[in-house]
Amino acid sequence: MKNSPLLEQVRFAIRVRHYSYRTEQTHIQRIKRFILFQNERSSNRHG
């Protein structure tokens, strides 16, 4: 998931706004956890 186009877009948007590196990392981690949570939740529904 490191080279995900979505995550690259998020990184770019954060950098354009001159947010701190730590803020960028926090947002990326939250998005990754959310995606993993949704995938897990979806797989639990189907069996």
N, C-alpha and C. Protein backbone atom coordinates (compact mmCIF):
# COMPACT_ATOMS: atom_id res chain seq x y z
N MET A 1 0.83 -1.19 0.00
CA MET A 1 0.00 0.00 0.00
C MET A 1 0.87 1.26 0.00
N LYS A 2 2.15 1.08 0.06
CA LYS A 2 3.04 2.23 0.16
C LYS A 2 2.98 3.12 -1.08
N ASN A 3 2.80 2.54 -2.25
CA ASN A 3 2.79 3.31 -3.49
C ASN A 3 1.38 3.54 -4.02
N SER A 4 0.42 3.49 -3.15
CA SER A 4 -0.97 3.68 -3.54
C SER A 4 -1.19 5.09 -4.11
N PRO A 5 -1.89 5.18 -5.24
CA PRO A 5 -2.18 6.50 -5.80
C PRO A 5 -2.95 7.40 -4.83
N LEU A 6 -3.85 6.81 -4.06
CA LEU A 6 -4.60 7.59 -3.08
C LEU A 6 -3.67 8.22 -2.05
N LEU A 7 -2.76 7.41 -1.52
CA LEU A 7 -1.83 7.92 -0.50
C LEU A 7 -0.89 8.96 -1.08
N GLU A 8 -0.50 8.77 -2.32
CA GLU A 8 0.36 9.77 -2.97
C GLU A 8 -0.39 11.09 -3.14
N GLN A 9 -1.67 11.03 -3.47
CA GLN A 9 -2.48 12.25 -3.59
C GLN A 9 -2.60 12.95 -2.25
N VAL A 10 -2.79 12.16 -1.19
CA VAL A 10 -2.89 12.74 0.15
C VAL A 10 -1.57 13.41 0.52
N ARG A 11 -0.46 12.71 0.28
CA ARG A 11 0.86 13.30 0.57
C ARG A 11 1.05 14.62 -0.17
N PHE A 12 0.70 14.62 -1.44
CA PHE A 12 0.86 15.83 -2.24
C PHE A 12 0.00 16.97 -1.68
N ALA A 13 -1.25 16.67 -1.36
CA ALA A 13 -2.15 17.70 -0.83
C ALA A 13 -1.63 18.27 0.49
N ILE A 14 -1.10 17.41 1.33
CA ILE A 14 -0.57 17.87 2.63
C ILE A 14 0.66 18.73 2.42
N ARG A 15 1.53 18.32 1.50
CA ARG A 15 2.76 19.07 1.25
C ARG A 15 2.48 20.43 0.62
N VAL A 16 1.48 20.49 -0.25
CA VAL A 16 1.11 21.76 -0.87
C VAL A 16 0.65 22.75 0.19
N ARG A 17 0.01 22.22 1.23
CA ARG A 17 -0.49 23.08 2.31
C ARG A 17 0.57 23.36 3.38
N HIS A 18 1.79 22.84 3.17
CA HIS A 18 2.92 23.07 4.07
C HIS A 18 2.67 22.57 5.48
N TYR A 19 1.97 21.44 5.59
CA TYR A 19 1.78 20.83 6.91
C TYR A 19 3.09 20.17 7.33
N SER A 20 3.22 19.90 8.61
CA SER A 20 4.44 19.27 9.11
C SER A 20 4.53 17.81 8.66
N TYR A 21 5.75 17.29 8.68
CA TYR A 21 5.98 15.90 8.29
C TYR A 21 5.21 14.95 9.20
N ARG A 22 5.19 15.27 10.49
CA ARG A 22 4.47 14.41 11.46
C ARG A 22 2.97 14.39 11.16
N THR A 23 2.40 15.50 10.76
CA THR A 23 0.99 15.56 10.39
C THR A 23 0.74 14.68 9.18
N GLU A 24 1.64 14.75 8.21
CA GLU A 24 1.51 13.90 7.02
C GLU A 24 1.51 12.43 7.41
N GLN A 25 2.46 12.04 8.25
CA GLN A 25 2.56 10.65 8.66
C GLN A 25 1.30 10.20 9.42
N THR A 26 0.79 11.06 10.27
CA THR A 26 -0.41 10.73 11.04
C THR A 26 -1.61 10.52 10.12
N HIS A 27 -1.79 11.40 9.15
CA HIS A 27 -2.91 11.26 8.22
C HIS A 27 -2.78 9.98 7.40
N ILE A 28 -1.59 9.67 6.94
CA ILE A 28 -1.36 8.46 6.14
C ILE A 28 -1.68 7.22 6.98
N GLN A 29 -1.23 7.19 8.22
CA GLN A 29 -1.50 6.03 9.09
C GLN A 29 -3.00 5.88 9.36
N ARG A 30 -3.69 6.98 9.59
CA ARG A 30 -5.14 6.91 9.82
C ARG A 30 -5.87 6.38 8.59
N ILE A 31 -5.47 6.81 7.42
CA ILE A 31 -6.10 6.33 6.19
C ILE A 31 -5.82 4.85 5.99
N LYS A 32 -4.59 4.42 6.23
CA LYS A 32 -4.26 3.00 6.10
C LYS A 32 -5.08 2.15 7.06
N ARG A 33 -5.18 2.60 8.31
CA ARG A 33 -5.98 1.84 9.29
C ARG A 33 -7.45 1.79 8.89
N PHE A 34 -7.97 2.89 8.36
CA PHE A 34 -9.36 2.93 7.93
C PHE A 34 -9.60 1.95 6.78
N ILE A 35 -8.68 1.93 5.80
CA ILE A 35 -8.82 1.02 4.67
C ILE A 35 -8.77 -0.43 5.15
N LEU A 36 -7.83 -0.75 6.01
CA LEU A 36 -7.73 -2.11 6.53
C LEU A 36 -8.98 -2.48 7.32
N PHE A 37 -9.50 -1.56 8.11
CA PHE A 37 -10.72 -1.81 8.88
C PHE A 37 -11.89 -2.09 7.95
N GLN A 38 -12.03 -1.31 6.89
CA GLN A 38 -13.14 -1.51 5.96
C GLN A 38 -13.01 -2.84 5.23
N ASN A 39 -11.79 -3.21 4.85
CA ASN A 39 -11.58 -4.50 4.18
C ASN A 39 -11.91 -5.67 5.11
N GLU A 40 -11.52 -5.55 6.36
CA GLU A 40 -11.81 -6.60 7.34
C GLU A 40 -13.30 -6.70 7.59
N ARG A 41 -13.93 -5.56 7.72
CA ARG A 41 -15.37 -5.52 7.96
C ARG A 41 -16.14 -6.13 6.80
N SER A 42 -15.69 -5.81 5.59
CA SER A 42 -16.33 -6.33 4.38
C SER A 42 -16.17 -7.85 4.30
N SER A 43 -15.00 -8.35 4.60
CA SER A 43 -14.77 -9.80 4.51
C SER A 43 -15.54 -10.56 5.58
N ASN A 44 -15.78 -9.93 6.73
CA ASN A 44 -16.56 -10.59 7.79
C ASN A 44 -18.02 -10.72 7.39
N ARG A 45 -18.52 -9.80 6.61
CA ARG A 45 -19.92 -9.86 6.16
C ARG A 45 -20.15 -11.00 5.18
N HIS A 46 -19.13 -11.30 4.38
CA HIS A 46 -19.30 -12.27 3.30
C HIS A 46 -18.91 -13.69 3.70
N GLY A 47 -18.57 -13.89 4.91
CA GLY A 47 -18.28 -15.27 5.26
C GLY A 47 -17.23 -15.38 6.22
